[in-house]
Amino acid sequence: MTGPPPARPGTEREDDAEVITQSLGEPELFAGLYDRHAPDIHRYAARRLGEGAADDITAETFLIAFRTRDRYDTAHRLARPWLYGIAANLIGKHRRTEVRALKALARTGHDPVAASWSDRSDDRVAVQAPLAGALAKLSPGDRHVLLLVAWADLGYQEVADALRIPLGTVRSRLNRARRKVREALSTDPAFTSAEQELNPSWTN
C-alpha cells in the first residue's frame, strides 16, 4: 500500500477555512485540504491500527469531512483538530482491534496488525512491548487524549476541539493517562526507551 500522496508544494500555506468555504461552490477545491492533511491523518491511523486500516480510516475521514463541510465552523482557520476528531471517532470503532493488537504486542513482541509499527523505517516511532501493554490498559477516552497529544502533536485546546470535550476534561484525562502509563512502566527495565516512544516531552 502506498498511502496518501505527499502534500503539494504550497498547500501548507493555505487557509483551511477558506478552502472549505470555497469548496461549497467548487467541490474540487476540497482536494487541497486532503493534500495538506491526509499524510498526517494516515500516519496517525497507522500508528493506532496498523497500515492495513490506515488507508480506509484516512479515506473515510475525508469523505465525512467533505459531506459535512457545510457545518464547519470557519472561526477555526486550521482544520487539523476537526479532521483528527473525525479520525478518532472512526478509530474508536476499532477499539477492540487496537486493544487486541496492543495486548498481543505486549505479550509476544509481534502482532500482524501491529507489525507496521516496528517494521517501517520512516519517521514513525516503533511501539515496544512495555508501552503497548500500558496503552492497552487505558480507557478509550484516556488513550485518545494521550495519543492525540503525543502522536498527533495537538495542543490541549486542539484536543478539546477535536473530541468536543471541555479543556478541563482533556487535562484530567491526560494527567490520568500519564500517571497510569508511568505506573505501568516504572517497574520495567525498558521504561526509559518506552517513555521516549510516546514523545520526548510527554511527561512534562
C-alpha atoms as a PDB file:
ATOM      1  CA  MET A   1       0.000   0.000   0.000  1.00  0.00           C
ATOM      2  CA  THR A   2       1.305   3.373  -0.937  1.00  0.00           C
ATOM      3  CA  GLY A   3      -0.837   5.509   1.370  1.00  0.00           C
ATOM      4  CA  PRO A   4      -1.845   9.056   0.539  1.00  0.00           C
ATOM      5  CA  PRO A   5       0.189  11.206  -1.828  1.00  0.00           C
ATOM      6  CA  PRO A   6       2.623  13.753  -0.434  1.00  0.00           C
ATOM      7  CA  ALA A   7       1.317  17.278   0.007  1.00  0.00           C
ATOM      8  CA  ARG A   8       1.704  19.561  -2.991  1.00  0.00           C
ATOM      9  CA  PRO A   9       4.162  22.461  -2.605  1.00  0.00           C
ATOM     10  CA  GLY A  10       2.494  25.493  -1.082  1.00  0.00           C
ATOM     11  CA  THR A  11      -0.540  23.739   0.380  1.00  0.00           C
ATOM     12  CA  GLU A  12       0.751  24.223   3.905  1.00  0.00           C
ATOM     13  CA  ARG A  13       0.210  27.979   3.485  1.00  0.00           C
ATOM     14  CA  GLU A  14      -3.453  27.674   2.605  1.00  0.00           C
ATOM     15  CA  ASP A  15      -6.204  28.799   4.943  1.00  0.00           C
ATOM     16  CA  ASP A  16      -8.261  25.682   5.677  1.00  0.00           C
ATOM     17  CA  ALA A  17     -11.433  27.579   6.496  1.00  0.00           C
ATOM     18  CA  GLU A  18     -11.183  29.496   3.227  1.00  0.00           C
ATOM     19  CA  VAL A  19     -10.642  26.287   1.271  1.00  0.00           C
ATOM     20  CA  ILE A  20     -13.673  24.690   2.906  1.00  0.00           C
ATOM     21  CA  THR A  21     -15.836  27.740   2.269  1.00  0.00           C
ATOM     22  CA  GLN A  22     -14.812  27.952  -1.373  1.00  0.00           C
ATOM     23  CA  SER A  23     -15.358  24.224  -1.836  1.00  0.00           C
ATOM     24  CA  LEU A  24     -19.061  24.682  -1.130  1.00  0.00           C
ATOM     25  CA  GLY A  25     -19.345  26.247  -4.575  1.00  0.00           C
ATOM     26  CA  GLU A  26     -16.385  24.483  -6.162  1.00  0.00           C
ATOM     27  CA  PRO A  27     -16.195  20.981  -4.634  1.00  0.00           C
ATOM     28  CA  GLU A  28     -12.963  20.137  -6.423  1.00  0.00           C
ATOM     29  CA  LEU A  29     -11.136  22.666  -4.231  1.00  0.00           C
ATOM     30  CA  PHE A  30     -11.616  20.370  -1.227  1.00  0.00           C
ATOM     31  CA  ALA A  31      -8.764  18.295  -2.646  1.00  0.00           C
ATOM     32  CA  GLY A  32      -6.448  20.987  -1.284  1.00  0.00           C
ATOM     33  CA  LEU A  33      -7.457  20.052   2.252  1.00  0.00           C
ATOM     34  CA  TYR A  34      -6.713  16.413   1.502  1.00  0.00           C
ATOM     35  CA  ASP A  35      -3.324  17.262   0.053  1.00  0.00           C
ATOM     36  CA  ARG A  36      -2.385  19.199   3.147  1.00  0.00           C
ATOM     37  CA  HIS A  37      -3.600  16.914   5.922  1.00  0.00           C
ATOM     38  CA  ALA A  38      -4.027  13.361   4.582  1.00  0.00           C
ATOM     39  CA  PRO A  39      -0.402  12.285   5.146  1.00  0.00           C
ATOM     40  CA  ASP A  40      -0.601  13.181   8.856  1.00  0.00           C
ATOM     41  CA  ILE A  41      -4.008  11.565   9.330  1.00  0.00           C
ATOM     42  CA  HIS A  42      -2.780   8.431   7.570  1.00  0.00           C
ATOM     43  CA  ARG A  43       0.362   8.292   9.714  1.00  0.00           C
ATOM     44  CA  TYR A  44      -1.659   8.667  12.907  1.00  0.00           C
ATOM     45  CA  ALA A  45      -4.175   5.978  11.891  1.00  0.00           C
ATOM     46  CA  ALA A  46      -1.330   3.633  11.008  1.00  0.00           C
ATOM     47  CA  ARG A  47       0.244   4.076  14.422  1.00  0.00           C
ATOM     48  CA  ARG A  48      -3.071   3.331  16.090  1.00  0.00           C
ATOM     49  CA  LEU A  49      -4.371   0.461  13.941  1.00  0.00           C
ATOM     50  CA  GLY A  50      -1.583  -0.553  11.566  1.00  0.00           C
ATOM     51  CA  GLU A  51      -1.080   0.159   7.881  1.00  0.00           C
ATOM     52  CA  GLY A  52      -3.881  -2.160   6.818  1.00  0.00           C
ATOM     53  CA  ALA A  53      -6.589   0.038   8.312  1.00  0.00           C
ATOM     54  CA  ALA A  54      -4.925   3.409   7.743  1.00  0.00           C
ATOM     55  CA  ASP A  55      -5.969   3.763   4.107  1.00  0.00           C
ATOM     56  CA  ASP A  56      -9.637   3.137   4.953  1.00  0.00           C
ATOM     57  CA  ILE A  57      -9.584   5.416   8.007  1.00  0.00           C
ATOM     58  CA  THR A  58      -7.997   8.236   6.013  1.00  0.00           C
ATOM     59  CA  ALA A  59     -10.386   7.877   3.087  1.00  0.00           C
ATOM     60  CA  GLU A  60     -13.446   7.767   5.335  1.00  0.00           C
ATOM     61  CA  THR A  61     -12.204  10.729   7.387  1.00  0.00           C
ATOM     62  CA  PHE A  62     -12.078  12.948   4.326  1.00  0.00           C
ATOM     63  CA  LEU A  63     -15.323  11.575   2.910  1.00  0.00           C
ATOM     64  CA  ILE A  64     -17.119  12.508   6.133  1.00  0.00           C
ATOM     65  CA  ALA A  65     -15.354  15.872   6.189  1.00  0.00           C
ATOM     66  CA  PHE A  66     -16.438  16.567   2.622  1.00  0.00           C
ATOM     67  CA  ARG A  67     -20.051  15.597   3.284  1.00  0.00           C
ATOM     68  CA  THR A  68     -20.253  17.735   6.440  1.00  0.00           C
ATOM     69  CA  ARG A  69     -18.126  20.676   5.330  1.00  0.00           C
ATOM     70  CA  ASP A  70     -21.157  22.988   5.216  1.00  0.00           C
ATOM     71  CA  ARG A  71     -21.301  22.732   9.025  1.00  0.00           C
ATOM     72  CA  TYR A  72     -17.637  23.541   9.589  1.00  0.00           C
ATOM     73  CA  ASP A  73     -17.029  26.425  11.995  1.00  0.00           C
ATOM     74  CA  THR A  74     -14.926  28.810   9.913  1.00  0.00           C
ATOM     75  CA  ALA A  75     -13.807  30.616  13.064  1.00  0.00           C
ATOM     76  CA  HIS A  76     -11.275  27.761  13.232  1.00  0.00           C
ATOM     77  CA  ARG A  77      -8.886  28.637  10.422  1.00  0.00           C
ATOM     78  CA  LEU A  78      -6.933  25.380  10.748  1.00  0.00           C
ATOM     79  CA  ALA A  79      -8.885  22.148  10.188  1.00  0.00           C
ATOM     80  CA  ARG A  80      -6.447  19.735  11.872  1.00  0.00           C
ATOM     81  CA  PRO A  81      -8.458  19.312  15.105  1.00  0.00           C
ATOM     82  CA  TRP A  82     -11.674  18.756  13.126  1.00  0.00           C
ATOM     83  CA  LEU A  83     -10.065  16.114  10.930  1.00  0.00           C
ATOM     84  CA  TYR A  84      -8.330  14.363  13.820  1.00  0.00           C
ATOM     85  CA  GLY A  85     -11.637  14.344  15.681  1.00  0.00           C
ATOM     86  CA  ILE A  86     -13.321  12.550  12.777  1.00  0.00           C
ATOM     87  CA  ALA A  87     -10.419  10.109  12.553  1.00  0.00           C
ATOM     88  CA  ALA A  88     -10.510   9.491  16.314  1.00  0.00           C
ATOM     89  CA  ASN A  89     -14.207   8.618  16.136  1.00  0.00           C
ATOM     90  CA  LEU A  90     -13.520   6.159  13.340  1.00  0.00           C
ATOM     91  CA  ILE A  91     -10.549   4.664  15.186  1.00  0.00           C
ATOM     92  CA  GLY A  92     -12.774   4.341  18.254  1.00  0.00           C
ATOM     93  CA  LYS A  93     -14.995   1.949  16.304  1.00  0.00           C
ATOM     94  CA  HIS A  94     -11.977  -0.329  16.040  1.00  0.00           C
ATOM     95  CA  ARG A  95     -11.016  -0.128  19.716  1.00  0.00           C
ATOM     96  CA  ARG A  96     -11.271  -3.890  20.207  1.00  0.00           C
ATOM     97  CA  THR A  97      -8.884  -4.435  17.308  1.00  0.00           C
ATOM     98  CA  GLU A  98      -6.492  -1.837  18.709  1.00  0.00           C
ATOM     99  CA  VAL A  99      -6.538  -3.251  22.228  1.00  0.00           C
ATOM    100  CA  ARG A 100      -6.169  -6.818  20.944  1.00  0.00           C
ATOM    101  CA  ALA A 101      -3.148  -5.769  18.853  1.00  0.00           C
ATOM    102  CA  LEU A 102      -1.575  -3.885  21.759  1.00  0.00           C
ATOM    103  CA  LYS A 103      -2.045  -6.806  24.119  1.00  0.00           C
ATOM    104  CA  ALA A 104      -0.593  -9.241  21.602  1.00  0.00           C
ATOM    105  CA  LEU A 105       2.365  -6.960  21.035  1.00  0.00           C
ATOM    106  CA  ALA A 106       2.901  -6.647  24.786  1.00  0.00           C
ATOM    107  CA  ARG A 107       2.717 -10.417  25.239  1.00  0.00           C
ATOM    108  CA  THR A 108       4.714 -11.694  22.255  1.00  0.00           C
ATOM    109  CA  GLY A 109       6.523  -8.687  20.839  1.00  0.00           C
ATOM    110  CA  HIS A 110       4.780  -9.217  17.494  1.00  0.00           C
ATOM    111  CA  ASP A 111       1.300  -8.976  16.019  1.00  0.00           C
ATOM    112  CA  PRO A 112       0.270  -8.984  12.336  1.00  0.00           C
ATOM    113  CA  VAL A 113      -1.935  -5.922  12.788  1.00  0.00           C
ATOM    114  CA  ALA A 114       0.727  -4.007  14.672  1.00  0.00           C
ATOM    115  CA  ALA A 115       3.712  -5.218  12.639  1.00  0.00           C
ATOM    116  CA  SER A 116       3.927  -1.961  10.692  1.00  0.00           C
ATOM    117  CA  TRP A 117       4.577  -0.056  13.919  1.00  0.00           C
ATOM    118  CA  SER A 118       8.013  -1.639  14.238  1.00  0.00           C
ATOM    119  CA  ASP A 119       8.839  -2.793  10.703  1.00  0.00           C
ATOM    120  CA  ARG A 120       8.698   0.578   8.964  1.00  0.00           C
ATOM    121  CA  SER A 121      11.802   2.775   8.909  1.00  0.00           C
ATOM    122  CA  ASP A 122      10.066   6.098   8.271  1.00  0.00           C
ATOM    123  CA  ASP A 123       9.608   8.909  10.793  1.00  0.00           C
ATOM    124  CA  ARG A 124       7.135   6.982  12.943  1.00  0.00           C
ATOM    125  CA  VAL A 125       8.488   5.644  16.237  1.00  0.00           C
ATOM    126  CA  ALA A 126       8.049   1.946  16.911  1.00  0.00           C
ATOM    127  CA  VAL A 127       5.792   0.833  19.727  1.00  0.00           C
ATOM    128  CA  GLN A 128       7.619  -1.608  22.007  1.00  0.00           C
ATOM    129  CA  ALA A 129       6.019  -4.263  24.160  1.00  0.00           C
ATOM    130  CA  PRO A 130       6.118  -2.426  27.541  1.00  0.00           C
ATOM    131  CA  LEU A 131       4.424   0.656  26.154  1.00  0.00           C
ATOM    132  CA  ALA A 132       1.899  -1.398  24.172  1.00  0.00           C
ATOM    133  CA  GLY A 133       0.785  -3.124  27.349  1.00  0.00           C
ATOM    134  CA  ALA A 134       0.438   0.181  29.179  1.00  0.00           C
ATOM    135  CA  LEU A 135      -1.600   1.738  26.363  1.00  0.00           C
ATOM    136  CA  ALA A 136      -3.882  -1.285  26.169  1.00  0.00           C
ATOM    137  CA  LYS A 137      -4.914  -0.779  29.803  1.00  0.00           C
ATOM    138  CA  LEU A 138      -6.069   2.807  29.284  1.00  0.00           C
ATOM    139  CA  SER A 139      -9.718   3.636  28.773  1.00  0.00           C
ATOM    140  CA  PRO A 140     -10.613   4.610  25.182  1.00  0.00           C
ATOM    141  CA  GLY A 141     -11.104   8.246  26.181  1.00  0.00           C
ATOM    142  CA  ASP A 142      -7.793   8.485  28.016  1.00  0.00           C
ATOM    143  CA  ARG A 143      -5.960   6.736  25.177  1.00  0.00           C
ATOM    144  CA  HIS A 144      -7.442   9.133  22.606  1.00  0.00           C
ATOM    145  CA  VAL A 145      -6.309  12.187  24.561  1.00  0.00           C
ATOM    146  CA  LEU A 146      -2.828  10.868  25.301  1.00  0.00           C
ATOM    147  CA  LEU A 147      -2.098   9.798  21.733  1.00  0.00           C
ATOM    148  CA  LEU A 148      -3.559  12.920  20.125  1.00  0.00           C
ATOM    149  CA  VAL A 149      -1.112  14.926  22.218  1.00  0.00           C
ATOM    150  CA  ALA A 150       1.860  12.554  21.893  1.00  0.00           C
ATOM    151  CA  TRP A 151       1.468  11.245  18.338  1.00  0.00           C
ATOM    152  CA  ALA A 152      -0.678  13.842  16.538  1.00  0.00           C
ATOM    153  CA  ASP A 153       1.121  16.719  18.280  1.00  0.00           C
ATOM    154  CA  LEU A 154      -2.136  18.539  19.064  1.00  0.00           C
ATOM    155  CA  GLY A 155      -2.283  21.151  21.783  1.00  0.00           C
ATOM    156  CA  TYR A 156      -4.691  20.794  24.686  1.00  0.00           C
ATOM    157  CA  GLN A 157      -7.272  23.149  23.171  1.00  0.00           C
ATOM    158  CA  GLU A 158      -6.975  21.394  19.810  1.00  0.00           C
ATOM    159  CA  VAL A 159      -7.665  18.046  21.502  1.00  0.00           C
ATOM    160  CA  ALA A 160     -10.673  19.586  23.233  1.00  0.00           C
ATOM    161  CA  ASP A 161     -11.938  20.829  19.867  1.00  0.00           C
ATOM    162  CA  ALA A 162     -11.214  17.511  18.166  1.00  0.00           C
ATOM    163  CA  LEU A 163     -13.057  15.390  20.738  1.00  0.00           C
ATOM    164  CA  ARG A 164     -15.650  18.044  21.601  1.00  0.00           C
ATOM    165  CA  ILE A 165     -14.926  17.876  25.285  1.00  0.00           C
ATOM    166  CA  PRO A 166     -14.080  20.626  27.809  1.00  0.00           C
ATOM    167  CA  LEU A 167     -10.470  21.704  28.162  1.00  0.00           C
ATOM    168  CA  GLY A 168     -10.543  20.638  31.815  1.00  0.00           C
ATOM    169  CA  THR A 169     -11.547  17.136  30.738  1.00  0.00           C
ATOM    170  CA  VAL A 170      -8.591  16.990  28.382  1.00  0.00           C
ATOM    171  CA  ARG A 171      -6.239  17.933  31.218  1.00  0.00           C
ATOM    172  CA  SER A 172      -7.716  15.437  33.661  1.00  0.00           C
ATOM    173  CA  ARG A 173      -7.700  12.583  31.133  1.00  0.00           C
ATOM    174  CA  LEU A 174      -4.147  13.377  30.087  1.00  0.00           C
ATOM    175  CA  ASN A 175      -2.902  13.519  33.666  1.00  0.00           C
ATOM    176  CA  ARG A 176      -4.628  10.236  34.477  1.00  0.00           C
ATOM    177  CA  ALA A 177      -3.271   8.538  31.348  1.00  0.00           C
ATOM    178  CA  ARG A 178       0.268   9.744  32.001  1.00  0.00           C
ATOM    179  CA  ARG A 179       0.098   8.555  35.607  1.00  0.00           C
ATOM    180  CA  LYS A 180      -1.163   5.109  34.613  1.00  0.00           C
ATOM    181  CA  VAL A 181       1.448   4.697  31.912  1.00  0.00           C
ATOM    182  CA  ARG A 182       4.211   5.779  34.284  1.00  0.00           C
ATOM    183  CA  GLU A 183       2.998   3.311  36.892  1.00  0.00           C
ATOM    184  CA  ALA A 184       2.816   0.513  34.341  1.00  0.00           C
ATOM    185  CA  LEU A 185       6.301   1.193  33.024  1.00  0.00           C
ATOM    186  CA  SER A 186       8.094   2.145  36.231  1.00  0.00           C
ATOM    187  CA  THR A 187       8.993  -1.437  37.134  1.00  0.00           C
ATOM    188  CA  ASP A 188      10.099  -2.323  33.617  1.00  0.00           C
ATOM    189  CA  PRO A 189      13.803  -2.008  32.723  1.00  0.00           C
ATOM    190  CA  ALA A 190      12.773  -0.729  29.290  1.00  0.00           C
ATOM    191  CA  PHE A 191      10.962   2.225  30.880  1.00  0.00           C
ATOM    192  CA  THR A 192      13.320   4.883  29.538  1.00  0.00           C
ATOM    193  CA  SER A 193      13.131   3.782  25.917  1.00  0.00           C
ATOM    194  CA  ALA A 194       9.409   3.109  26.127  1.00  0.00           C
ATOM    195  CA  GLU A 195       8.841   6.562  27.565  1.00  0.00           C
ATOM    196  CA  GLN A 196      10.591   8.115  24.574  1.00  0.00           C
ATOM    197  CA  GLU A 197       8.335   6.221  22.169  1.00  0.00           C
ATOM    198  CA  LEU A 198       5.405   8.442  23.022  1.00  0.00           C
ATOM    199  CA  ASN A 199       7.186  11.758  22.832  1.00  0.00           C
ATOM    200  CA  PRO A 200      10.399  13.133  24.303  1.00  0.00           C
ATOM    201  CA  SER A 201       8.370  15.673  26.286  1.00  0.00           C
ATOM    202  CA  TRP A 202       5.217  13.681  27.017  1.00  0.00           C
ATOM    203  CA  THR A 203       5.855  13.549  30.737  1.00  0.00           C
ATOM    204  CA  ASN A 204       6.060  17.326  31.107  1.00  0.00           C
END
